[in-house]
Protein backbone atom coordinates (compact mmCIF):
# COMPACT_ATOMS: atom_id res chain seq x y z
CA UNK A 1 -49.60 -31.62 -77.13
CA UNK A 2 -47.89 -29.53 -74.46
CA UNK A 3 -45.53 -30.83 -71.83
CA UNK A 4 -46.84 -31.70 -68.39
CA UNK A 5 -45.06 -30.42 -65.33
CA UNK A 6 -45.85 -31.72 -61.86
CA UNK A 7 -44.96 -29.10 -59.25
CA UNK A 8 -44.36 -30.35 -55.73
CA UNK A 9 -45.10 -27.58 -53.18
CA UNK A 10 -44.19 -27.20 -49.57
CA UNK A 11 -45.60 -24.62 -47.31
CA UNK A 12 -44.54 -20.96 -46.84
CA UNK A 13 -41.24 -20.02 -48.51
CA UNK A 14 -40.87 -23.22 -50.50
CA UNK A 15 -44.24 -22.65 -52.21
CA UNK A 16 -43.60 -18.96 -52.77
CA UNK A 17 -40.20 -19.55 -54.42
CA UNK A 18 -41.34 -22.37 -56.70
CA UNK A 19 -44.60 -20.53 -57.67
CA UNK A 20 -42.56 -17.47 -58.74
CA UNK A 21 -40.65 -19.78 -61.03
CA UNK A 22 -43.84 -21.39 -62.27
CA UNK A 23 -45.13 -17.87 -63.21
CA UNK A 24 -41.97 -17.23 -65.24
CA UNK A 25 -42.32 -20.55 -67.08
CA UNK A 26 -45.55 -19.30 -68.69
CA UNK A 27 -48.66 -20.81 -70.21
CA UNK A 28 -46.99 -23.30 -72.63
CA UNK A 29 -46.99 -26.09 -70.04
CA UNK A 30 -49.76 -28.06 -68.36
CA UNK A 31 -49.35 -27.87 -64.66
CA UNK A 32 -50.30 -30.31 -61.91
CA UNK A 33 -49.53 -29.80 -58.21
CA UNK A 34 -48.71 -32.01 -55.27
CA UNK A 35 -49.42 -30.58 -51.81
CA UNK A 36 -49.39 -32.16 -48.39
CA UNK A 37 -52.83 -33.07 -47.19
CA UNK A 38 -52.94 -30.58 -44.29
CA UNK A 39 -51.58 -27.54 -46.23
CA UNK A 40 -54.52 -25.13 -46.19
CA UNK A 41 -52.70 -22.17 -47.85
CA UNK A 42 -50.68 -23.18 -50.92
CA UNK A 43 -53.63 -24.10 -53.13
CA UNK A 44 -54.99 -20.54 -52.80
CA UNK A 45 -51.66 -19.18 -54.16
CA UNK A 46 -51.81 -21.09 -57.48
CA UNK A 47 -52.07 -18.80 -60.48
CA UNK A 48 -51.66 -21.41 -63.21
CA UNK A 49 -54.56 -23.82 -63.44
CA UNK A 50 -54.10 -27.53 -62.95
CA UNK A 51 -55.18 -30.49 -60.92
CA UNK A 52 -54.13 -30.58 -57.24
CA UNK A 53 -53.14 -33.90 -55.66
CA UNK A 54 -52.81 -34.30 -51.88
CA UNK A 55 -50.39 -36.65 -50.16
CA UNK A 56 -49.43 -37.34 -46.52
CA UNK A 57 -46.71 -35.18 -45.05
CA UNK A 58 -43.58 -37.47 -44.71
CA UNK A 59 -42.13 -35.71 -41.64
CA UNK A 60 -43.31 -33.23 -39.07
CA UNK A 61 -41.84 -31.36 -36.19
CA UNK A 62 -41.94 -34.28 -33.75
CA UNK A 63 -39.39 -36.41 -35.72
CA UNK A 64 -40.27 -39.94 -34.48
CA UNK A 65 -38.01 -42.16 -36.60
CA UNK A 66 -40.34 -45.19 -37.02
CA UNK A 67 -43.37 -43.01 -37.61
CA UNK A 68 -41.49 -40.82 -40.08
CA UNK A 69 -40.31 -43.91 -42.06
CA UNK A 70 -43.89 -45.21 -42.22
CA UNK A 71 -45.28 -41.82 -43.33
CA UNK A 72 -42.53 -41.40 -45.93
CA UNK A 73 -43.33 -44.80 -47.40
CA UNK A 74 -47.01 -43.99 -47.50
CA UNK A 75 -46.37 -40.61 -49.06
CA UNK A 76 -44.14 -42.30 -51.63
CA UNK A 77 -46.91 -44.75 -52.56
CA UNK A 78 -49.40 -41.89 -52.83
CA UNK A 79 -46.90 -39.99 -54.99
CA UNK A 80 -46.41 -43.05 -57.20
CA UNK A 81 -50.17 -43.10 -57.88
CA UNK A 82 -50.08 -39.31 -58.64
CA UNK A 83 -47.28 -39.78 -61.22
CA UNK A 84 -49.07 -42.74 -62.78
CA UNK A 85 -52.34 -40.79 -62.94
CA UNK A 86 -51.02 -37.39 -64.08
CA UNK A 87 -48.19 -38.71 -66.28
CA UNK A 88 -45.90 -35.67 -66.14
CA UNK A 89 -42.92 -35.16 -68.39
CA UNK A 90 -41.00 -33.74 -65.43
CA UNK A 91 -41.34 -32.92 -61.76
CA UNK A 92 -40.26 -29.52 -60.37
CA UNK A 93 -39.73 -28.87 -56.71
CA UNK A 94 -37.81 -26.94 -54.04
CA UNK A 95 -36.94 -28.05 -50.52
CA UNK A 96 -39.95 -29.53 -48.70
CA UNK A 97 -39.66 -33.02 -47.30
CA UNK A 98 -42.56 -34.18 -49.53
CA UNK A 99 -40.27 -33.63 -52.50
CA UNK A 100 -38.18 -36.71 -51.77
CA UNK A 101 -40.84 -39.43 -52.01
CA UNK A 102 -42.52 -37.65 -54.89
CA UNK A 103 -39.28 -37.45 -56.85
CA UNK A 104 -38.29 -41.03 -56.08
CA UNK A 105 -41.69 -42.09 -57.51
CA UNK A 106 -41.12 -39.92 -60.59
CA UNK A 107 -37.63 -41.37 -61.22
CA UNK A 108 -38.95 -44.90 -60.78
CA UNK A 109 -41.36 -44.19 -63.60
CA UNK A 110 -38.75 -42.65 -65.85
CA UNK A 111 -39.69 -39.01 -65.33
CA UNK A 112 -37.22 -36.14 -65.21
CA UNK A 113 -36.71 -34.38 -61.83
CA UNK A 114 -35.75 -30.74 -61.55
CA UNK A 115 -34.81 -29.46 -58.08
CA UNK A 116 -34.21 -25.86 -57.08
CA UNK A 117 -32.49 -25.48 -53.75
CA UNK A 118 -34.12 -22.78 -51.68
CA UNK A 119 -32.62 -19.32 -51.78
CA UNK A 120 -32.08 -19.38 -47.98
CA UNK A 121 -29.28 -22.00 -48.44
CA UNK A 122 -26.14 -19.92 -49.10
CA UNK A 123 -23.25 -22.08 -47.87
CA UNK A 124 -24.71 -25.60 -47.44
CA UNK A 125 -27.53 -27.61 -48.88
CA UNK A 126 -30.69 -28.37 -46.96
CA UNK A 127 -31.29 -32.06 -45.93
CA UNK A 128 -33.66 -32.39 -48.85
CA UNK A 129 -31.10 -30.77 -51.10
CA UNK A 130 -28.46 -33.23 -50.11
CA UNK A 131 -30.73 -36.10 -51.04
CA UNK A 132 -32.02 -34.45 -54.22
CA UNK A 133 -28.46 -33.64 -55.38
CA UNK A 134 -28.06 -37.35 -56.07
CA UNK A 135 -31.60 -37.85 -57.34
CA UNK A 136 -32.39 -34.93 -59.56
CA UNK A 137 -31.72 -34.84 -63.32
CA UNK A 138 -31.21 -31.09 -63.03
CA UNK A 139 -30.15 -29.42 -59.77
CA UNK A 140 -30.19 -25.65 -59.39
CA UNK A 141 -28.65 -23.50 -56.67
CA UNK A 142 -29.33 -19.83 -56.10
CA UNK A 143 -25.89 -18.92 -54.68
CA UNK A 144 -22.58 -19.43 -56.52
CA UNK A 145 -20.86 -20.32 -53.15
CA UNK A 146 -22.54 -23.75 -53.33
CA UNK A 147 -20.87 -24.69 -56.62
CA UNK A 148 -17.49 -25.45 -55.00
CA UNK A 149 -18.93 -28.31 -53.01
CA UNK A 150 -21.61 -29.31 -55.46
CA UNK A 151 -20.11 -29.23 -58.98
CA UNK A 152 -23.08 -30.95 -60.66
CA UNK A 153 -25.28 -28.03 -59.56
CA UNK A 154 -26.24 -25.25 -61.94
CA UNK A 155 -26.10 -21.71 -60.63
CA UNK A 156 -29.03 -19.74 -62.08
CA UNK A 157 -29.36 -16.85 -59.66
CA UNK A 158 -32.24 -16.32 -57.26
CA UNK A 159 -35.87 -17.10 -58.21
CA UNK A 160 -37.41 -14.45 -55.94
């Protein structure tokens, strides 16, 4: 039986970077995907087959604290159901906000979390990266400059 990888996608650059990595991982894994419910583009970019699960976007551009907390909790609950249903061995993601509740759900259920900080972050981590640095089992950066401040990170070059 092959290993199952749940890939959490954002929109735009986050999806592009992580899907390049998925292409490099090959056909030996079973893939499942988490996308935000209103993402109309990322699913069309998938090149490896697998089920697609949709969850609520935890944050949006308006940043209303109470509403964002409620949406994050709901997204986390939806993510928990996805992890229970799909039963991945690990979760792989980059920098979208949906990564945090999905990865918290995965860790609560004993799954491994692999985070790849986006290539656009050269000297400081993203907000998601700062949270995921403490949460991920394996944390990759794409620029060696980040290793001084984040020694637990693994520099692996750029994925794009």
